[in-house]
C-alpha atoms as a PDB file:
ATOM      1  CA  UNK A   1      20.188 -41.569 -37.174  1.00  0.00           C
ATOM      2  CA  UNK A   2      19.753 -40.989 -40.894  1.00  0.00           C
ATOM      3  CA  UNK A   3      19.247 -36.792 -42.333  1.00  0.00           C
ATOM      4  CA  UNK A   4      15.480 -37.522 -43.195  1.00  0.00           C
ATOM      5  CA  UNK A   5      15.232 -38.602 -38.690  1.00  0.00           C
ATOM      6  CA  UNK A   6      16.649 -35.339 -37.270  1.00  0.00           C
ATOM      7  CA  UNK A   7      16.383 -32.208 -37.806  1.00  0.00           C
ATOM      8  CA  UNK A   8      18.774 -28.512 -37.590  1.00  0.00           C
ATOM      9  CA  UNK A   9      19.092 -26.593 -34.922  1.00  0.00           C
ATOM     10  CA  UNK A  10      20.054 -23.540 -34.705  1.00  0.00           C
ATOM     11  CA  UNK A  11      21.859 -22.089 -31.831  1.00  0.00           C
ATOM     12  CA  UNK A  12      20.162 -18.640 -30.363  1.00  0.00           C
ATOM     13  CA  UNK A  13      20.315 -17.105 -27.366  1.00  0.00           C
ATOM     14  CA  UNK A  14      19.048 -17.183 -24.124  1.00  0.00           C
ATOM     15  CA  UNK A  15      18.755 -13.314 -23.765  1.00  0.00           C
ATOM     16  CA  UNK A  16      18.128 -11.440 -26.459  1.00  0.00           C
ATOM     17  CA  UNK A  17      16.035  -8.848 -27.415  1.00  0.00           C
ATOM     18  CA  UNK A  18      12.698 -10.684 -28.480  1.00  0.00           C
ATOM     19  CA  UNK A  19      12.590 -12.574 -24.972  1.00  0.00           C
ATOM     20  CA  UNK A  20      13.665  -9.330 -22.675  1.00  0.00           C
ATOM     21  CA  UNK A  21      10.996  -7.110 -24.542  1.00  0.00           C
ATOM     22  CA  UNK A  22       8.195 -10.519 -24.287  1.00  0.00           C
ATOM     23  CA  UNK A  23       9.100 -11.067 -20.378  1.00  0.00           C
ATOM     24  CA  UNK A  24       9.182  -7.031 -20.073  1.00  0.00           C
ATOM     25  CA  UNK A  25       5.312  -6.534 -21.622  1.00  0.00           C
ATOM     26  CA  UNK A  26       4.058 -10.003 -19.249  1.00  0.00           C
ATOM     27  CA  UNK A  27       5.582  -7.990 -16.587  1.00  0.00           C
ATOM     28  CA  UNK A  28       3.462  -4.578 -17.027  1.00  0.00           C
ATOM     29  CA  UNK A  29       0.632  -6.581 -17.649  1.00  0.00           C
ATOM     30  CA  UNK A  30      -0.061  -8.815 -15.007  1.00  0.00           C
ATOM     31  CA  UNK A  31       1.546  -5.578 -12.746  1.00  0.00           C
ATOM     32  CA  UNK A  32      -1.741  -3.553 -14.187  1.00  0.00           C
ATOM     33  CA  UNK A  33      -4.525  -6.722 -13.868  1.00  0.00           C
ATOM     34  CA  UNK A  34      -2.887  -7.413 -10.156  1.00  0.00           C
ATOM     35  CA  UNK A  35      -3.813  -3.225  -9.626  1.00  0.00           C
ATOM     36  CA  UNK A  36      -6.917  -3.348 -11.163  1.00  0.00           C
ATOM     37  CA  UNK A  37      -7.531  -6.406  -8.709  1.00  0.00           C
ATOM     38  CA  UNK A  38      -6.296  -4.368  -5.797  1.00  0.00           C
ATOM     39  CA  UNK A  39      -8.536  -1.464  -6.707  1.00  0.00           C
ATOM     40  CA  UNK A  40     -11.156  -3.665  -7.165  1.00  0.00           C
ATOM     41  CA  UNK A  41     -10.874  -5.400  -3.518  1.00  0.00           C
ATOM     42  CA  UNK A  42     -10.122  -2.427  -1.127  1.00  0.00           C
ATOM     43  CA  UNK A  43     -13.510  -1.093  -2.810  1.00  0.00           C
ATOM     44  CA  UNK A  44     -15.407  -3.695  -1.960  1.00  0.00           C
ATOM     45  CA  UNK A  45     -13.689  -3.992   1.705  1.00  0.00           C
ATOM     46  CA  UNK A  46     -14.450  -0.356   2.273  1.00  0.00           C
ATOM     47  CA  UNK A  47     -18.965  -0.840   0.824  1.00  0.00           C
ATOM     48  CA  UNK A  48     -18.930  -3.357   3.125  1.00  0.00           C
ATOM     49  CA  UNK A  49     -17.189  -1.205   5.671  1.00  0.00           C
ATOM     50  CA  UNK A  50     -19.107   1.812   5.658  1.00  0.00           C
ATOM     51  CA  UNK A  51     -22.718   0.227   4.953  1.00  0.00           C
ATOM     52  CA  UNK A  52     -21.950  -1.314   8.342  1.00  0.00           C
ATOM     53  CA  UNK A  53     -20.626   1.104  10.040  1.00  0.00           C
ATOM     54  CA  UNK A  54     -23.385   3.613   8.831  1.00  0.00           C
ATOM     55  CA  UNK A  55     -26.167   0.827   8.476  1.00  0.00           C
ATOM     56  CA  UNK A  56     -27.532   0.918   5.509  1.00  0.00           C
ATOM     57  CA  UNK A  57     -29.225  -2.129   4.729  1.00  0.00           C
ATOM     58  CA  UNK A  58     -29.755  -1.396   0.764  1.00  0.00           C
ATOM     59  CA  UNK A  59     -29.006  -4.635  -1.692  1.00  0.00           C
ATOM     60  CA  UNK A  60     -26.969  -3.434  -4.450  1.00  0.00           C
ATOM     61  CA  UNK A  61     -27.092  -5.250  -7.604  1.00  0.00           C
ATOM     62  CA  UNK A  62     -24.220  -4.591  -9.388  1.00  0.00           C
ATOM     63  CA  UNK A  63     -24.566  -6.266 -12.647  1.00  0.00           C
ATOM     64  CA  UNK A  64     -20.752  -4.400 -14.341  1.00  0.00           C
ATOM     65  CA  UNK A  65     -18.424  -7.164 -15.351  1.00  0.00           C
ATOM     66  CA  UNK A  66     -15.968  -5.122 -13.353  1.00  0.00           C
ATOM     67  CA  UNK A  67     -17.995  -6.316  -9.989  1.00  0.00           C
ATOM     68  CA  UNK A  68     -15.897  -9.021  -8.214  1.00  0.00           C
ATOM     69  CA  UNK A  69     -17.805 -10.897  -6.979  1.00  0.00           C
ATOM     70  CA  UNK A  70     -18.586 -11.405 -10.617  1.00  0.00           C
ATOM     71  CA  UNK A  71     -15.121 -12.031 -11.433  1.00  0.00           C
ATOM     72  CA  UNK A  72     -14.147 -15.277  -8.247  1.00  0.00           C
END
């Protein structure tokens, strides 16, 4: 193997501050997204339960981007 076909590799620690901050950011962002999705799911189930209990037969058209049926 010649010098032209090799490359220099600098040793780097696995747990440096940049990697740690990226992991924390990843966890926080995914936690917030999971919380929002959970809220949307509970709201959809709550409306289905309420409408069936009260006998509401109205068709609800939700065109917002937060509609769980458009997310799935």
